[in-house]
Every structure is written in structure tokens, then in C-alpha cells.
Amino acid sequence: MSTQTDDTGETQVRGWLHHAVADVEPSHGPADLRGLERQHSRAHWLPLTLAAAMATVLALAGTAWVAGRTGGPGTDPTLTGEPSTVAVVAYAVTQTLDGPRLVPDRRTVPALSSNLRSALVATLHGTPRGGDQRAWPDAPETDLDLAVEGDLVTIGLGGPESPPAEVPPLLYQALAWTVASALGDEHLAVEIGFGGTQSSPLDDTVTPSASLDVLAPVTIESVGAGELVDSPFTVAGRAAAFEGTVTWQLLDSGEVVEEGFTTAEECCVPSPYSFEVDAPPGPYVLRVAETDPSGGEGRRPYAEAVHLTVE
């Protein structure tokens, strides 16, 4: 079993020179959009008339994407060709009616020596899109030691300063989910240590938790805010929905141009869903939501929305 490591050095310095422009938002304002959706605003859903068989077909359309997230032992190949930026999924914190929860934040960031390192640095220090917050807002500038060996990923956060006295609990899960997305395996153990090689009571080993105490009720992972996509495109993420039913709409200037529903793998806990959308070129808002089995008597359904452009 071989261990893969990567170093920062001048590669990291070069990558951060691009940081000032990597997170520039498009003029359509996805940050404001996502912020409003995170307030659980209610929308009028048109009656769902698609047959259950069609929902199954749409769910199967994204099988390849879901399967790609649960591969074998983790690997972290070094980036080749010296790209200046790379698309990653970094995890950020959003506010829900039940408290702070994690959401995947797909965006383009400065390319470091590997996809995993780029994603982890974005989670720790990058600026999330859509009005979300970093998992560790006051994260000190630290060295990032990284090793991948089989089903264990080791992350060492060290530097000239002594280990922090307090670390937000969601940070461990944010790093674990970032690793899972970067390496395509949700079963990897992630060992997180602070203070360099010094043993610390903050050291911990975690695995990604698909719990409503950790993840937002609905997430979108395969499409990021402001992203350019080809048609048809696959939408995938996680949802904790009644009977597993996930509803979606594609809107143009507030008007529904496409809508439908799909079924998550499990009911009532964050579990994978996917569906395919076919649309003509242009800017849209994609909105994905859980259903409301209470008919308005319970809490408002949670919705996640991103602005995208079909090329």
C-alpha cells in the first residue's frame, strides 16, 4: 500500500495569486438568490402529474454520477498540465430553521498540487458562494499536511501558532465531506490533527455523516452557482424528503419552463437523488425542494436554488 502526499511550496503561492479572481460572481446575482431560498420561502408548485415510472427513469439517468461518488480506496492524483484553476466541491455552512448545516459549494478555485488539496484549502479559507459561511470563519493560516493511503486520509493542520482552543464541530464533517467529494468515496476515514506533529486533544478520526444534524435537508452538488452547463445536464445531490419525493423547477425570469420530481434513495434522511434536465440555451434558476406532507400545517419546505446558464 503506497502513501500519496503532496507539498505546498511555490505551487500553493502561484495558486493563491489567482484567488482574487477565482470567486468573482456573475452579474445575475446567485448569492442573493441562494440567500433567499435558504429562508425556506414557499413557492406555488404546479400539480405534479408525472407518472412514478417517469420519476424512476429520471433517477436512473444520474446513476453514473452517484456511482462515481462511492468508489474503492481513495486516490488523490496530482494535477497535470499546471492548470491555474480547478472545479471543486467545498463544504460550507448555511443557516436553516433547525440551525447551521452543511451544504456542498461547487466552485472554481486556484489549482494547487491536487484536487483534494485545492478543495480542502477552499473549505478552510475560501469564500463560499451564495451567502453561506466558511465552516471555520476564524481559521488561522496553517500548513496543510495531507496523505492518502487506502481507506484512510490524514489531514494535519499545523503552523507556528499553538493548536486552537476551540474548533467548530461542523468543521470535522465539512472536511470529511470535502474529502469524500474530491476522492469519490463516502466511506473513507478522515484523521484530522492540529498542532503539526504534536499530539492534541482536538485530534479526531471521522467519516462523513449523512444526518440531518449535519447536512441541510436538500443539497445540490453536481451544479454550482453561476455554472455553464450543456443540455441535457444531470442534477444530483442529497435530500431528506417525505417518501423520498424531491421536486424541482427550472425557472426563467420567475416563470416555470420545466418541472418534475424524482425519488431519493431513502426516505426522510439525506440520501442521494438525481434527475436530468433538458433545456434550450439561456440563463435559468434551478430550484430543488422537499415536499410538504402537512399541507401547510408543519414547517415550511426547505429549498435549494442555484443560478446556471445552459450553453
Protein backbone atom coordinates (compact mmCIF):
# COMPACT_ATOMS: atom_id res chain seq x y z
CA MET A 1 0.00 0.00 0.00
CA SER A 2 1.54 3.26 -1.04
CA THR A 3 1.09 6.62 0.60
CA GLN A 4 0.44 9.69 -1.55
CA THR A 5 1.45 13.08 -0.27
CA ASP A 6 1.74 16.50 -1.85
CA ASP A 7 3.55 19.65 -0.82
CA THR A 8 2.55 23.29 -0.96
CA GLY A 9 5.59 25.50 -1.63
CA GLU A 10 5.67 27.64 -4.71
CA THR A 11 2.73 25.72 -6.25
CA GLN A 12 0.46 26.99 -3.48
CA VAL A 13 1.84 30.53 -3.77
CA ARG A 14 1.18 30.50 -7.50
CA GLY A 15 -2.32 29.16 -6.93
CA TRP A 16 -3.27 31.87 -4.49
CA LEU A 17 -2.22 34.57 -6.95
CA HIS A 18 -5.38 33.60 -8.80
CA HIS A 19 -7.56 33.79 -5.70
CA ALA A 20 -8.62 37.38 -6.24
CA VAL A 21 -10.49 36.50 -9.43
CA ALA A 22 -11.46 32.88 -8.84
CA ASP A 23 -14.62 33.63 -6.91
CA VAL A 24 -15.97 36.56 -8.95
CA GLU A 25 -19.74 36.16 -9.20
CA PRO A 26 -21.70 36.60 -12.44
CA SER A 27 -23.89 39.65 -12.73
CA HIS A 28 -27.09 37.63 -12.35
CA GLY A 29 -26.78 37.66 -8.57
CA PRO A 30 -26.81 33.96 -7.49
CA ALA A 31 -25.69 34.95 -3.99
CA ASP A 32 -28.88 36.91 -3.35
CA LEU A 33 -30.95 34.14 -4.89
CA ARG A 34 -29.50 31.37 -2.74
CA GLY A 35 -29.74 33.51 0.37
CA LEU A 36 -33.48 33.97 -0.17
CA GLU A 37 -34.05 30.28 -0.83
CA ARG A 38 -32.26 29.38 2.39
CA GLN A 39 -35.01 31.21 4.30
CA HIS A 40 -37.33 28.33 3.34
CA SER A 41 -39.56 30.58 1.25
CA ARG A 42 -42.68 28.86 -0.02
CA ALA A 43 -43.38 28.63 -3.73
CA HIS A 44 -46.53 27.62 -5.60
CA TRP A 45 -45.70 24.24 -7.09
CA LEU A 46 -47.79 23.28 -10.07
CA PRO A 47 -49.62 19.96 -9.59
CA LEU A 48 -47.27 17.07 -10.11
CA THR A 49 -48.71 14.94 -12.89
CA LEU A 50 -45.69 12.93 -13.97
CA ALA A 51 -46.04 9.20 -13.59
CA ALA A 52 -43.99 7.35 -10.99
CA ALA A 53 -42.37 5.37 -13.75
CA MET A 54 -41.01 8.55 -15.28
CA ALA A 55 -39.51 9.54 -11.92
CA THR A 56 -37.71 6.22 -11.82
CA VAL A 57 -36.31 6.78 -15.31
CA LEU A 58 -35.07 10.24 -14.37
CA ALA A 59 -33.47 8.90 -11.20
CA LEU A 60 -31.63 6.24 -13.16
CA ALA A 61 -30.28 8.89 -15.53
CA GLY A 62 -27.90 10.04 -12.84
CA THR A 63 -26.78 6.58 -11.73
CA ALA A 64 -23.32 7.01 -13.19
CA TRP A 65 -22.78 10.24 -11.23
CA VAL A 66 -23.93 8.68 -7.95
CA ALA A 67 -21.84 5.57 -8.52
CA GLY A 68 -18.81 7.72 -9.10
CA ARG A 69 -19.07 9.05 -5.55
CA THR A 70 -18.68 5.64 -3.92
CA GLY A 71 -15.62 4.10 -5.45
CA GLY A 72 -12.89 1.96 -3.93
CA PRO A 73 -9.88 3.01 -1.84
CA GLY A 74 -9.15 6.71 -2.13
CA THR A 75 -6.59 8.11 -4.52
CA ASP A 76 -5.51 11.71 -4.95
CA PRO A 77 -3.80 12.07 -8.33
CA THR A 78 -1.54 15.06 -8.80
CA LEU A 79 -2.83 17.67 -11.20
CA THR A 80 -1.04 17.71 -14.54
CA GLY A 81 -0.54 20.48 -17.07
CA GLU A 82 -0.27 23.19 -14.40
CA PRO A 83 -3.87 24.47 -14.62
CA SER A 84 -4.46 27.83 -12.95
CA THR A 85 -7.90 26.90 -11.63
CA VAL A 86 -9.86 23.75 -10.89
CA ALA A 87 -13.53 22.99 -10.14
CA VAL A 88 -14.03 21.50 -6.68
CA VAL A 89 -16.81 20.83 -4.19
CA ALA A 90 -16.01 22.55 -0.89
CA TYR A 91 -18.41 22.34 2.04
CA ALA A 92 -19.81 25.48 3.64
CA VAL A 93 -22.28 26.29 6.42
CA THR A 94 -25.79 27.56 5.76
CA GLN A 95 -28.43 28.64 8.25
CA THR A 96 -31.66 26.63 8.38
CA LEU A 97 -34.65 26.80 10.71
CA ASP A 98 -33.06 23.89 12.56
CA GLY A 99 -29.69 25.60 12.93
CA PRO A 100 -26.43 25.64 10.97
CA ARG A 101 -25.98 22.81 8.48
CA LEU A 102 -23.51 21.89 5.73
CA VAL A 103 -24.06 22.36 2.00
CA PRO A 104 -21.78 21.44 -0.91
CA ASP A 105 -20.41 24.52 -2.63
CA ARG A 106 -19.26 23.69 -6.16
CA ARG A 107 -16.97 26.43 -7.46
CA THR A 108 -13.76 27.19 -9.29
CA VAL A 109 -10.71 27.83 -7.11
CA PRO A 110 -6.94 28.27 -7.56
CA ALA A 111 -5.34 24.97 -8.55
CA LEU A 112 -2.83 23.63 -6.04
CA SER A 113 -0.92 20.38 -6.32
CA SER A 114 -4.01 18.13 -6.31
CA ASN A 115 -7.79 18.31 -6.47
CA LEU A 116 -8.07 17.26 -2.84
CA ARG A 117 -5.68 19.92 -1.57
CA SER A 118 -7.45 22.57 -3.64
CA ALA A 119 -10.84 21.54 -2.21
CA LEU A 120 -9.61 21.41 1.40
CA VAL A 121 -7.99 24.85 1.20
CA ALA A 122 -11.24 26.19 -0.28
CA THR A 123 -13.20 24.70 2.62
CA LEU A 124 -10.82 26.15 5.21
CA HIS A 125 -10.01 29.54 3.72
CA GLY A 126 -12.05 30.18 0.57
CA THR A 127 -15.10 32.42 0.31
CA PRO A 128 -18.28 30.38 -0.27
CA ARG A 129 -20.76 31.43 -2.90
CA GLY A 130 -24.41 32.16 -2.28
CA GLY A 131 -24.18 33.91 1.07
CA ASP A 132 -23.00 30.86 3.01
CA GLN A 133 -20.24 30.88 5.61
CA ARG A 134 -16.94 29.08 5.99
CA ALA A 135 -17.04 26.08 8.29
CA TRP A 136 -14.32 27.76 10.38
CA PRO A 137 -14.74 31.54 9.92
CA ASP A 138 -11.67 32.41 12.01
CA ALA A 139 -9.45 29.64 10.69
CA PRO A 140 -5.78 30.56 11.31
CA GLU A 141 -3.31 30.36 8.45
CA THR A 142 -1.81 26.91 8.88
CA ASP A 143 0.28 24.42 6.97
CA LEU A 144 -1.77 21.61 5.43
CA ASP A 145 -0.12 18.20 5.63
CA LEU A 146 -2.03 15.67 3.56
CA ALA A 147 -1.69 11.93 2.98
CA VAL A 148 -3.96 9.36 1.33
CA GLU A 149 -3.37 5.67 1.98
CA GLY A 150 -6.05 3.14 1.16
CA ASP A 151 -9.22 4.00 3.06
CA LEU A 152 -7.53 6.49 5.40
CA VAL A 153 -6.94 10.18 4.68
CA THR A 154 -4.77 12.11 7.12
CA ILE A 155 -5.07 15.88 7.38
CA GLY A 156 -2.59 17.73 9.58
CA LEU A 157 -3.21 21.39 10.36
CA GLY A 158 -0.10 22.92 11.88
CA GLY A 159 1.93 26.10 11.91
CA PRO A 160 3.88 28.46 14.10
CA GLU A 161 0.88 29.05 16.38
CA SER A 162 -0.17 26.65 19.11
CA PRO A 163 -3.26 24.46 18.48
CA PRO A 164 -6.54 26.40 18.70
CA ALA A 165 -8.51 26.16 21.92
CA GLU A 166 -11.82 25.66 20.10
CA VAL A 167 -12.78 24.36 16.68
CA PRO A 168 -16.37 24.46 15.32
CA PRO A 169 -17.83 20.93 15.50
CA LEU A 170 -19.10 21.13 11.90
CA LEU A 171 -15.54 21.64 10.67
CA TYR A 172 -14.72 17.94 11.07
CA GLN A 173 -17.71 16.96 8.95
CA ALA A 174 -17.02 19.73 6.42
CA LEU A 175 -13.51 18.34 5.89
CA ALA A 176 -14.76 14.74 5.79
CA TRP A 177 -17.43 15.55 3.17
CA THR A 178 -14.93 17.58 1.14
CA VAL A 179 -12.61 14.56 1.09
CA ALA A 180 -15.50 12.27 0.09
CA SER A 181 -16.48 14.51 -2.82
CA ALA A 182 -12.90 15.01 -4.04
CA LEU A 183 -11.99 11.32 -3.92
CA GLY A 184 -15.38 9.87 -4.88
CA ASP A 185 -15.70 7.67 -1.80
CA GLU A 186 -18.04 8.37 1.10
CA HIS A 187 -16.64 5.55 3.23
CA LEU A 188 -13.15 6.92 3.80
CA ALA A 189 -11.97 7.58 7.34
CA VAL A 190 -10.50 11.05 7.79
CA GLU A 191 -7.96 11.62 10.54
CA ILE A 192 -7.72 15.31 11.45
CA GLY A 193 -4.91 16.59 13.61
CA PHE A 194 -3.96 20.03 14.88
CA GLY A 195 -0.62 21.42 16.01
CA GLY A 196 1.64 19.73 13.49
CA THR A 197 3.16 16.52 14.83
CA GLN A 198 2.24 17.34 18.41
CA SER A 199 -0.48 15.19 19.93
CA SER A 200 -3.58 17.26 20.68
CA PRO A 201 -6.93 16.55 22.38
CA LEU A 202 -8.53 18.04 19.27
CA ASP A 203 -7.22 15.24 17.06
CA ASP A 204 -10.07 13.10 15.76
CA THR A 205 -10.99 10.50 13.16
CA VAL A 206 -14.34 10.93 11.42
CA THR A 207 -16.32 9.63 8.46
CA PRO A 208 -18.93 11.65 6.53
CA SER A 209 -22.26 11.62 8.35
CA ALA A 210 -25.43 11.68 6.24
CA SER A 211 -27.51 13.05 9.10
CA LEU A 212 -29.96 15.94 9.35
CA ASP A 213 -27.82 17.15 12.26
CA VAL A 214 -25.00 17.67 9.74
CA LEU A 215 -26.42 18.23 6.23
CA ALA A 216 -29.11 20.62 5.03
CA PRO A 217 -32.42 18.90 4.12
CA VAL A 218 -31.75 19.45 0.40
CA THR A 219 -28.40 19.92 -1.32
CA ILE A 220 -27.25 20.30 -4.92
CA GLU A 221 -23.75 19.00 -5.57
CA SER A 222 -23.41 18.46 -9.32
CA VAL A 223 -24.14 22.04 -10.40
CA GLY A 224 -22.63 25.18 -8.87
CA ALA A 225 -23.92 28.74 -8.69
CA GLY A 226 -23.24 30.59 -11.95
CA GLU A 227 -22.04 27.45 -13.73
CA LEU A 228 -22.22 26.94 -17.50
CA VAL A 229 -23.75 23.58 -18.44
CA ASP A 230 -24.60 21.69 -21.60
CA SER A 231 -28.08 20.33 -22.24
CA PRO A 232 -29.15 17.83 -21.12
CA PHE A 233 -27.44 18.05 -17.74
CA THR A 234 -27.67 15.90 -14.62
CA VAL A 235 -28.63 17.36 -11.27
CA ALA A 236 -27.58 15.34 -8.25
CA GLY A 237 -27.27 15.84 -4.53
CA ARG A 238 -28.93 14.69 -1.31
CA ALA A 239 -32.38 15.18 0.11
CA ALA A 240 -34.26 14.16 3.24
CA ALA A 241 -37.78 14.13 1.87
CA PHE A 242 -41.10 12.56 2.85
CA GLU A 243 -41.42 9.26 0.98
CA GLY A 244 -38.18 10.28 -0.75
CA THR A 245 -40.03 12.63 -3.12
CA VAL A 246 -37.88 15.51 -4.39
CA THR A 247 -39.50 18.22 -6.52
CA TRP A 248 -37.69 20.52 -8.94
CA GLN A 249 -38.34 23.51 -11.17
CA LEU A 250 -36.35 25.28 -13.86
CA LEU A 251 -37.33 28.94 -13.98
CA ASP A 252 -36.73 31.71 -16.50
CA SER A 253 -37.36 35.20 -15.07
CA GLY A 254 -39.60 33.62 -12.45
CA GLU A 255 -41.64 31.59 -14.95
CA VAL A 256 -41.58 27.80 -14.74
CA VAL A 257 -40.24 26.34 -18.00
CA GLU A 258 -39.62 22.78 -16.80
CA GLU A 259 -40.62 20.92 -13.63
CA GLY A 260 -40.82 17.43 -12.28
CA PHE A 261 -39.95 15.17 -9.42
CA THR A 262 -37.65 12.31 -8.61
CA THR A 263 -37.13 9.90 -5.73
CA ALA A 264 -34.19 9.87 -3.34
CA GLU A 265 -32.70 6.53 -2.38
CA GLU A 266 -34.16 6.66 1.14
CA CYS A 267 -36.97 8.44 2.92
CA CYS A 268 -36.53 11.15 5.50
CA VAL A 269 -32.71 11.11 5.80
CA PRO A 270 -30.20 12.85 3.49
CA SER A 271 -29.74 10.35 0.68
CA PRO A 272 -28.70 10.62 -2.97
CA TYR A 273 -31.09 11.74 -5.69
CA SER A 274 -30.55 12.62 -9.34
CA PHE A 275 -32.51 13.69 -12.39
CA GLU A 276 -31.86 15.03 -15.88
CA VAL A 277 -32.89 18.39 -17.29
CA ASP A 278 -33.16 19.25 -20.99
CA ALA A 279 -33.49 22.96 -21.78
CA PRO A 280 -32.66 25.40 -24.58
CA PRO A 281 -29.71 27.80 -24.16
CA GLY A 282 -30.12 30.65 -21.73
CA PRO A 283 -29.91 31.68 -18.06
CA TYR A 284 -32.11 29.87 -15.55
CA VAL A 285 -32.76 29.30 -11.89
CA LEU A 286 -32.78 25.67 -10.79
CA ARG A 287 -34.81 25.06 -7.64
CA VAL A 288 -34.89 21.73 -5.79
CA ALA A 289 -37.08 21.20 -2.73
CA GLU A 290 -38.51 18.70 -0.32
CA THR A 291 -42.28 18.14 -0.32
CA ASP A 292 -44.73 19.32 2.33
CA PRO A 293 -46.78 16.33 3.58
CA SER A 294 -48.51 18.54 6.19
CA GLY A 295 -50.32 20.64 3.60
CA GLY A 296 -49.04 23.83 5.16
CA GLU A 297 -49.55 22.83 8.78
CA GLY A 298 -45.92 21.99 9.50
CA ARG A 299 -42.67 23.84 8.91
CA ARG A 300 -42.09 25.35 5.52
CA PRO A 301 -40.37 23.05 2.98
CA TYR A 302 -36.66 23.59 2.56
CA ALA A 303 -35.48 24.54 -0.93
CA GLU A 304 -32.08 24.90 -2.54
CA ALA A 305 -31.59 27.02 -5.67
CA VAL A 306 -28.73 27.95 -7.98
CA HIS A 307 -28.42 30.21 -10.98
CA LEU A 308 -26.97 28.47 -14.06
CA THR A 309 -26.62 29.07 -17.77
CA VAL A 310 -27.30 26.45 -20.44
CA GLU A 311 -24.88 26.87 -23.35
